[in-house]
Amino acid sequence: MSTRLNPYIGFRDNARQAMEFYQSVFGGELQLSTFADFGAGDDPAEAGKIMHAQLEAENGLVLMGADTPNDLEHSPGGNVSISLSGDDEPTLRGYWEKLADGGTVTEPLMVAPWGDAFGMCTDRFGVAWLVNISGTPRQ
């Protein structure tokens, strides 16, 4: 296996719902493991929380996430952005529409000064997304 870089998002009590949402956006296979599955965690109330989730889409996208235990600090979305970029305009626009649905658009998806379509949004789980669709650079 080659080295790959992918985001890992920390949630507070809604990792399952968030990862299922991302599966509805990107498709693919979602694997969910709870703290109880690994016999981990000191708090029995957290047994059903997600210790590790991994979504692998058919096009190679990989997204991981987990619930943050109650005894650890959690800042939703905290200084993390996830960038989606490429030249498959229909696919990227589809992702954009689904991610923005129920969220907040901070920069509409439109042609940027560098010639690509670019937009920024925060989804309904507080995660910031940047979408860049390659185009013809302006002269």
N, C-alpha and C. Protein backbone atom coordinates (compact mmCIF):
# COMPACT_ATOMS: atom_id res chain seq x y z
N MET A 1 0.85 -1.18 0.00
CA MET A 1 0.00 0.00 0.00
C MET A 1 0.89 1.24 0.00
N SER A 2 0.55 2.21 -0.82
CA SER A 2 1.28 3.46 -0.84
C SER A 2 0.81 4.35 0.32
N THR A 3 1.59 5.36 0.60
CA THR A 3 1.23 6.30 1.66
C THR A 3 0.08 7.17 1.18
N ARG A 4 -0.87 7.43 2.04
CA ARG A 4 -1.97 8.32 1.67
C ARG A 4 -2.26 9.28 2.80
N LEU A 5 -2.76 10.41 2.44
CA LEU A 5 -3.12 11.44 3.39
C LEU A 5 -4.63 11.58 3.36
N ASN A 6 -5.26 11.53 4.52
CA ASN A 6 -6.70 11.72 4.58
C ASN A 6 -7.08 12.39 5.89
N PRO A 7 -8.18 13.08 5.90
CA PRO A 7 -8.61 13.75 7.13
C PRO A 7 -9.18 12.76 8.14
N TYR A 8 -9.01 13.11 9.41
CA TYR A 8 -9.57 12.36 10.53
C TYR A 8 -10.28 13.40 11.39
N ILE A 9 -11.58 13.26 11.51
CA ILE A 9 -12.40 14.28 12.17
C ILE A 9 -12.87 13.78 13.53
N GLY A 10 -12.71 14.62 14.54
CA GLY A 10 -13.22 14.33 15.87
C GLY A 10 -14.60 14.93 16.05
N PHE A 11 -15.51 14.15 16.58
CA PHE A 11 -16.88 14.58 16.83
C PHE A 11 -17.20 14.45 18.31
N ARG A 12 -18.33 14.97 18.74
CA ARG A 12 -18.79 14.81 20.11
C ARG A 12 -20.17 14.16 20.05
N ASP A 13 -20.21 12.85 20.25
CA ASP A 13 -21.46 12.09 20.36
C ASP A 13 -22.26 11.96 19.06
N ASN A 14 -21.73 12.39 17.91
CA ASN A 14 -22.50 12.22 16.67
C ASN A 14 -21.65 11.72 15.51
N ALA A 15 -20.57 11.00 15.81
CA ALA A 15 -19.70 10.48 14.76
C ALA A 15 -20.47 9.54 13.84
N ARG A 16 -21.31 8.68 14.39
CA ARG A 16 -22.07 7.74 13.56
C ARG A 16 -22.93 8.49 12.55
N GLN A 17 -23.69 9.48 13.02
CA GLN A 17 -24.57 10.24 12.14
C GLN A 17 -23.76 11.02 11.10
N ALA A 18 -22.65 11.62 11.52
CA ALA A 18 -21.82 12.39 10.59
C ALA A 18 -21.23 11.48 9.51
N MET A 19 -20.67 10.35 9.92
CA MET A 19 -20.05 9.46 8.94
C MET A 19 -21.08 8.84 8.00
N GLU A 20 -22.27 8.56 8.50
CA GLU A 20 -23.34 8.07 7.62
C GLU A 20 -23.75 9.16 6.62
N PHE A 21 -23.76 10.41 7.07
CA PHE A 21 -24.03 11.53 6.17
C PHE A 21 -22.95 11.60 5.08
N TYR A 22 -21.67 11.51 5.46
CA TYR A 22 -20.60 11.58 4.48
C TYR A 22 -20.67 10.40 3.51
N GLN A 23 -21.12 9.26 3.99
CA GLN A 23 -21.31 8.12 3.09
C GLN A 23 -22.41 8.45 2.07
N SER A 24 -23.45 9.16 2.50
CA SER A 24 -24.52 9.54 1.56
C SER A 24 -24.01 10.55 0.53
N VAL A 25 -22.98 11.31 0.89
CA VAL A 25 -22.39 12.28 -0.04
C VAL A 25 -21.45 11.58 -1.02
N PHE A 26 -20.49 10.80 -0.49
CA PHE A 26 -19.42 10.24 -1.30
C PHE A 26 -19.62 8.80 -1.73
N GLY A 27 -20.61 8.10 -1.14
CA GLY A 27 -20.80 6.68 -1.42
C GLY A 27 -19.69 5.88 -0.75
N GLY A 28 -19.55 4.63 -1.13
CA GLY A 28 -18.47 3.81 -0.61
C GLY A 28 -18.87 2.97 0.58
N GLU A 29 -17.87 2.33 1.16
CA GLU A 29 -18.07 1.41 2.28
C GLU A 29 -17.67 2.09 3.59
N LEU A 30 -18.56 2.00 4.57
CA LEU A 30 -18.32 2.61 5.87
C LEU A 30 -18.14 1.52 6.91
N GLN A 31 -17.03 1.60 7.64
CA GLN A 31 -16.79 0.68 8.75
C GLN A 31 -16.84 1.48 10.04
N LEU A 32 -17.63 1.00 10.98
CA LEU A 32 -17.79 1.67 12.28
C LEU A 32 -17.43 0.71 13.40
N SER A 33 -16.61 1.18 14.34
CA SER A 33 -16.25 0.39 15.51
C SER A 33 -16.49 1.24 16.75
N THR A 34 -17.13 0.64 17.73
CA THR A 34 -17.41 1.37 18.97
C THR A 34 -16.31 1.12 20.00
N PHE A 35 -16.34 1.91 21.06
CA PHE A 35 -15.40 1.68 22.16
C PHE A 35 -15.60 0.28 22.72
N ALA A 36 -16.84 -0.17 22.81
CA ALA A 36 -17.13 -1.51 23.33
C ALA A 36 -16.53 -2.59 22.43
N ASP A 37 -16.54 -2.37 21.11
CA ASP A 37 -15.97 -3.35 20.18
C ASP A 37 -14.50 -3.62 20.48
N PHE A 38 -13.80 -2.60 20.97
CA PHE A 38 -12.37 -2.72 21.26
C PHE A 38 -12.10 -2.92 22.74
N GLY A 39 -13.16 -2.98 23.56
CA GLY A 39 -12.98 -3.10 25.00
C GLY A 39 -12.22 -1.90 25.56
N ALA A 40 -12.46 -0.74 24.97
CA ALA A 40 -11.73 0.47 25.34
C ALA A 40 -12.64 1.45 26.06
N GLY A 41 -12.05 2.39 26.73
CA GLY A 41 -12.80 3.44 27.40
C GLY A 41 -13.04 3.11 28.86
N ASP A 42 -12.95 4.13 29.68
CA ASP A 42 -13.16 3.96 31.11
C ASP A 42 -14.60 4.20 31.53
N ASP A 43 -15.37 4.87 30.70
CA ASP A 43 -16.74 5.25 31.03
C ASP A 43 -17.72 4.32 30.31
N PRO A 44 -18.46 3.48 31.05
CA PRO A 44 -19.41 2.56 30.42
C PRO A 44 -20.47 3.28 29.59
N ALA A 45 -20.75 4.55 29.91
CA ALA A 45 -21.74 5.31 29.15
C ALA A 45 -21.26 5.62 27.74
N GLU A 46 -19.96 5.46 27.51
CA GLU A 46 -19.40 5.75 26.18
C GLU A 46 -19.21 4.49 25.33
N ALA A 47 -19.65 3.35 25.82
CA ALA A 47 -19.42 2.08 25.12
C ALA A 47 -19.95 2.08 23.69
N GLY A 48 -21.08 2.73 23.45
CA GLY A 48 -21.69 2.74 22.12
C GLY A 48 -21.17 3.84 21.21
N LYS A 49 -20.30 4.69 21.73
CA LYS A 49 -19.74 5.75 20.89
C LYS A 49 -18.74 5.17 19.90
N ILE A 50 -18.52 5.91 18.82
CA ILE A 50 -17.61 5.45 17.77
C ILE A 50 -16.16 5.73 18.15
N MET A 51 -15.36 4.66 18.23
CA MET A 51 -13.94 4.79 18.51
C MET A 51 -13.17 5.01 17.21
N HIS A 52 -13.65 4.40 16.13
CA HIS A 52 -13.01 4.58 14.82
C HIS A 52 -14.03 4.33 13.71
N ALA A 53 -14.08 5.25 12.77
CA ALA A 53 -14.91 5.09 11.58
C ALA A 53 -14.03 5.35 10.37
N GLN A 54 -14.24 4.54 9.34
CA GLN A 54 -13.48 4.74 8.11
C GLN A 54 -14.40 4.56 6.92
N LEU A 55 -14.44 5.59 6.09
CA LEU A 55 -15.22 5.58 4.86
C LEU A 55 -14.26 5.53 3.70
N GLU A 56 -14.41 4.51 2.85
CA GLU A 56 -13.59 4.39 1.65
C GLU A 56 -14.51 4.38 0.45
N ALA A 57 -14.42 5.47 -0.35
CA ALA A 57 -15.25 5.60 -1.55
C ALA A 57 -14.57 4.90 -2.72
N GLU A 58 -15.37 4.53 -3.70
CA GLU A 58 -14.85 3.80 -4.85
C GLU A 58 -13.80 4.60 -5.62
N ASN A 59 -13.87 5.94 -5.56
CA ASN A 59 -12.93 6.76 -6.31
C ASN A 59 -11.65 7.05 -5.54
N GLY A 60 -11.44 6.38 -4.39
CA GLY A 60 -10.21 6.51 -3.64
C GLY A 60 -10.27 7.49 -2.48
N LEU A 61 -11.36 8.24 -2.32
CA LEU A 61 -11.47 9.14 -1.18
C LEU A 61 -11.55 8.33 0.10
N VAL A 62 -10.83 8.78 1.14
CA VAL A 62 -10.85 8.12 2.44
C VAL A 62 -11.09 9.19 3.49
N LEU A 63 -12.05 8.94 4.37
CA LEU A 63 -12.37 9.85 5.46
C LEU A 63 -12.49 9.03 6.73
N MET A 64 -11.85 9.50 7.80
CA MET A 64 -11.91 8.80 9.09
C MET A 64 -12.46 9.74 10.14
N GLY A 65 -13.05 9.17 11.18
CA GLY A 65 -13.58 9.98 12.26
C GLY A 65 -13.83 9.15 13.50
N ALA A 66 -14.12 9.84 14.60
CA ALA A 66 -14.40 9.17 15.87
C ALA A 66 -15.07 10.14 16.82
N ASP A 67 -15.75 9.60 17.82
CA ASP A 67 -16.28 10.43 18.91
C ASP A 67 -15.14 10.72 19.88
N THR A 68 -15.08 11.95 20.33
CA THR A 68 -14.09 12.35 21.33
C THR A 68 -14.64 11.97 22.70
N PRO A 69 -13.88 11.24 23.51
CA PRO A 69 -14.37 10.89 24.85
C PRO A 69 -14.71 12.14 25.65
N ASN A 70 -15.66 12.00 26.57
CA ASN A 70 -16.13 13.14 27.36
C ASN A 70 -15.04 13.81 28.18
N ASP A 71 -14.01 13.07 28.57
CA ASP A 71 -12.97 13.68 29.40
C ASP A 71 -11.92 14.44 28.59
N LEU A 72 -12.07 14.48 27.27
CA LEU A 72 -11.16 15.23 26.41
C LEU A 72 -11.87 16.45 25.83
N GLU A 73 -11.12 17.53 25.63
CA GLU A 73 -11.68 18.75 25.05
C GLU A 73 -12.06 18.51 23.59
N HIS A 74 -13.13 19.14 23.15
CA HIS A 74 -13.59 19.01 21.77
C HIS A 74 -14.06 20.36 21.27
N SER A 75 -13.54 20.77 20.11
CA SER A 75 -13.97 22.01 19.45
C SER A 75 -14.46 21.64 18.07
N PRO A 76 -15.80 21.65 17.83
CA PRO A 76 -16.32 21.25 16.52
C PRO A 76 -15.68 22.04 15.39
N GLY A 77 -15.19 21.32 14.41
CA GLY A 77 -14.60 21.92 13.24
C GLY A 77 -13.23 22.53 13.46
N GLY A 78 -12.87 22.80 14.71
CA GLY A 78 -11.61 23.40 15.12
C GLY A 78 -10.59 23.69 14.03
N ASN A 79 -10.04 24.48 13.49
CA ASN A 79 -8.95 24.67 12.56
C ASN A 79 -8.74 23.54 11.54
N VAL A 80 -9.77 22.81 11.20
CA VAL A 80 -9.63 21.75 10.21
C VAL A 80 -10.52 22.09 9.01
N SER A 81 -9.96 22.02 7.84
CA SER A 81 -10.72 22.14 6.61
C SER A 81 -10.39 20.92 5.77
N ILE A 82 -11.32 20.54 4.96
CA ILE A 82 -11.09 19.42 4.07
C ILE A 82 -11.24 19.93 2.65
N SER A 83 -10.25 19.66 1.83
CA SER A 83 -10.24 20.14 0.46
C SER A 83 -10.58 19.01 -0.51
N LEU A 84 -11.51 19.29 -1.39
CA LEU A 84 -11.84 18.39 -2.49
C LEU A 84 -11.48 19.12 -3.77
N SER A 85 -10.67 18.51 -4.61
CA SER A 85 -10.29 19.18 -5.84
C SER A 85 -10.11 18.17 -6.95
N GLY A 86 -10.26 18.65 -8.16
CA GLY A 86 -10.09 17.79 -9.33
C GLY A 86 -10.77 18.40 -10.53
N ASP A 87 -10.92 17.60 -11.59
CA ASP A 87 -11.53 18.11 -12.81
C ASP A 87 -12.84 17.43 -13.17
N ASP A 88 -13.34 16.56 -12.31
CA ASP A 88 -14.63 15.89 -12.55
C ASP A 88 -15.75 16.79 -12.04
N GLU A 89 -16.13 17.74 -12.88
CA GLU A 89 -17.09 18.77 -12.45
C GLU A 89 -18.41 18.21 -11.94
N PRO A 90 -19.07 17.28 -12.65
CA PRO A 90 -20.35 16.79 -12.13
C PRO A 90 -20.23 16.15 -10.74
N THR A 91 -19.19 15.37 -10.53
CA THR A 91 -19.00 14.71 -9.23
C THR A 91 -18.74 15.74 -8.14
N LEU A 92 -17.83 16.68 -8.40
CA LEU A 92 -17.50 17.68 -7.39
C LEU A 92 -18.68 18.60 -7.10
N ARG A 93 -19.45 18.98 -8.11
CA ARG A 93 -20.64 19.81 -7.87
C ARG A 93 -21.67 19.05 -7.04
N GLY A 94 -21.79 17.74 -7.30
CA GLY A 94 -22.70 16.91 -6.51
C GLY A 94 -22.28 16.87 -5.05
N TYR A 95 -20.98 16.69 -4.80
CA TYR A 95 -20.48 16.71 -3.43
C TYR A 95 -20.80 18.06 -2.78
N TRP A 96 -20.52 19.13 -3.51
CA TRP A 96 -20.75 20.49 -3.00
C TRP A 96 -22.20 20.66 -2.56
N GLU A 97 -23.12 20.30 -3.43
CA GLU A 97 -24.54 20.48 -3.13
C GLU A 97 -24.95 19.72 -1.88
N LYS A 98 -24.48 18.50 -1.74
CA LYS A 98 -24.84 17.70 -0.57
C LYS A 98 -24.18 18.23 0.70
N LEU A 99 -22.92 18.65 0.61
CA LEU A 99 -22.23 19.17 1.79
C LEU A 99 -22.84 20.49 2.26
N ALA A 100 -23.24 21.33 1.32
CA ALA A 100 -23.81 22.64 1.66
C ALA A 100 -25.23 22.53 2.19
N ASP A 101 -25.94 21.46 1.83
CA ASP A 101 -27.33 21.27 2.26
C ASP A 101 -27.40 21.16 3.78
N GLY A 102 -28.08 22.10 4.40
CA GLY A 102 -28.20 22.10 5.85
C GLY A 102 -27.03 22.76 6.54
N GLY A 103 -26.05 23.22 5.77
CA GLY A 103 -24.87 23.87 6.33
C GLY A 103 -24.87 25.35 6.00
N THR A 104 -23.69 25.95 5.99
CA THR A 104 -23.53 27.38 5.71
C THR A 104 -22.51 27.56 4.59
N VAL A 105 -22.92 28.26 3.55
CA VAL A 105 -22.01 28.56 2.45
C VAL A 105 -21.26 29.84 2.82
N THR A 106 -19.93 29.75 2.89
CA THR A 106 -19.13 30.92 3.22
C THR A 106 -18.56 31.58 1.96
N GLU A 107 -18.42 30.83 0.89
CA GLU A 107 -17.99 31.34 -0.41
C GLU A 107 -18.71 30.50 -1.46
N PRO A 108 -19.63 31.09 -2.23
CA PRO A 108 -20.37 30.30 -3.21
C PRO A 108 -19.45 29.63 -4.23
N LEU A 109 -19.86 28.49 -4.73
CA LEU A 109 -19.08 27.76 -5.74
C LEU A 109 -19.25 28.49 -7.07
N MET A 110 -18.21 29.23 -7.45
CA MET A 110 -18.25 30.00 -8.69
C MET A 110 -16.82 30.18 -9.21
N VAL A 111 -16.70 30.71 -10.42
CA VAL A 111 -15.39 30.88 -11.02
C VAL A 111 -14.58 31.88 -10.20
N ALA A 112 -13.39 31.45 -9.82
CA ALA A 112 -12.48 32.26 -9.00
C ALA A 112 -11.48 32.99 -9.90
N PRO A 113 -10.76 33.96 -9.36
CA PRO A 113 -9.79 34.71 -10.17
C PRO A 113 -8.75 33.83 -10.87
N TRP A 114 -8.44 32.66 -10.33
CA TRP A 114 -7.45 31.78 -10.96
C TRP A 114 -8.05 30.89 -12.04
N GLY A 115 -9.36 31.04 -12.28
CA GLY A 115 -9.99 30.34 -13.39
C GLY A 115 -10.72 29.06 -13.03
N ASP A 116 -10.52 28.55 -11.85
CA ASP A 116 -11.23 27.35 -11.39
C ASP A 116 -12.53 27.76 -10.71
N ALA A 117 -13.46 26.83 -10.64
CA ALA A 117 -14.64 27.04 -9.79
C ALA A 117 -14.22 26.70 -8.38
N PHE A 118 -14.54 27.57 -7.43
CA PHE A 118 -14.11 27.39 -6.05
C PHE A 118 -15.23 27.82 -5.12
N GLY A 119 -15.42 27.05 -4.04
CA GLY A 119 -16.39 27.42 -3.02
C GLY A 119 -15.97 26.89 -1.67
N MET A 120 -16.50 27.52 -0.63
CA MET A 120 -16.24 27.08 0.74
C MET A 120 -17.57 27.00 1.48
N CYS A 121 -17.72 25.95 2.29
CA CYS A 121 -18.92 25.81 3.10
C CYS A 121 -18.57 25.09 4.39
N THR A 122 -19.45 25.24 5.36
CA THR A 122 -19.36 24.49 6.60
C THR A 122 -20.59 23.60 6.64
N ASP A 123 -20.40 22.30 6.74
CA ASP A 123 -21.54 21.39 6.70
C ASP A 123 -22.32 21.42 8.02
N ARG A 124 -23.39 20.68 8.08
CA ARG A 124 -24.28 20.70 9.25
C ARG A 124 -23.64 20.15 10.51
N PHE A 125 -22.44 19.56 10.40
CA PHE A 125 -21.73 19.05 11.56
C PHE A 125 -20.57 19.96 11.98
N GLY A 126 -20.49 21.14 11.35
CA GLY A 126 -19.47 22.11 11.72
C GLY A 126 -18.11 21.90 11.08
N VAL A 127 -18.04 21.07 10.03
CA VAL A 127 -16.78 20.81 9.34
C VAL A 127 -16.67 21.71 8.12
N ALA A 128 -15.52 22.38 7.97
CA ALA A 128 -15.28 23.30 6.86
C ALA A 128 -14.77 22.53 5.63
N TRP A 129 -15.35 22.83 4.47
CA TRP A 129 -14.99 22.18 3.21
C TRP A 129 -14.60 23.22 2.18
N LEU A 130 -13.58 22.91 1.37
CA LEU A 130 -13.17 23.73 0.23
C LEU A 130 -13.30 22.84 -1.00
N VAL A 131 -13.98 23.33 -2.03
CA VAL A 131 -14.15 22.58 -3.27
C VAL A 131 -13.56 23.40 -4.41
N ASN A 132 -12.64 22.79 -5.16
CA ASN A 132 -12.00 23.46 -6.29
C ASN A 132 -12.14 22.56 -7.52
N ILE A 133 -12.80 23.10 -8.55
CA ILE A 133 -12.98 22.35 -9.81
C ILE A 133 -12.08 22.99 -10.87
N SER A 134 -11.10 22.22 -11.34
CA SER A 134 -10.12 22.74 -12.29
C SER A 134 -10.80 23.28 -13.53
N GLY A 135 -10.31 24.40 -14.01
CA GLY A 135 -10.81 25.02 -15.23
C GLY A 135 -9.65 25.53 -16.04
N THR A 136 -9.94 26.41 -16.95
CA THR A 136 -8.90 27.01 -17.77
C THR A 136 -8.43 28.28 -17.10
N PRO A 137 -7.16 28.34 -16.70
CA PRO A 137 -6.66 29.55 -16.05
C PRO A 137 -6.82 30.77 -16.95
N ARG A 138 -7.16 31.90 -16.36
CA ARG A 138 -7.30 33.14 -17.11
C ARG A 138 -5.93 33.67 -17.47
N GLN A 139 -5.85 34.27 -18.61
CA GLN A 139 -4.58 34.86 -19.09
C GLN A 139 -4.40 36.24 -18.49
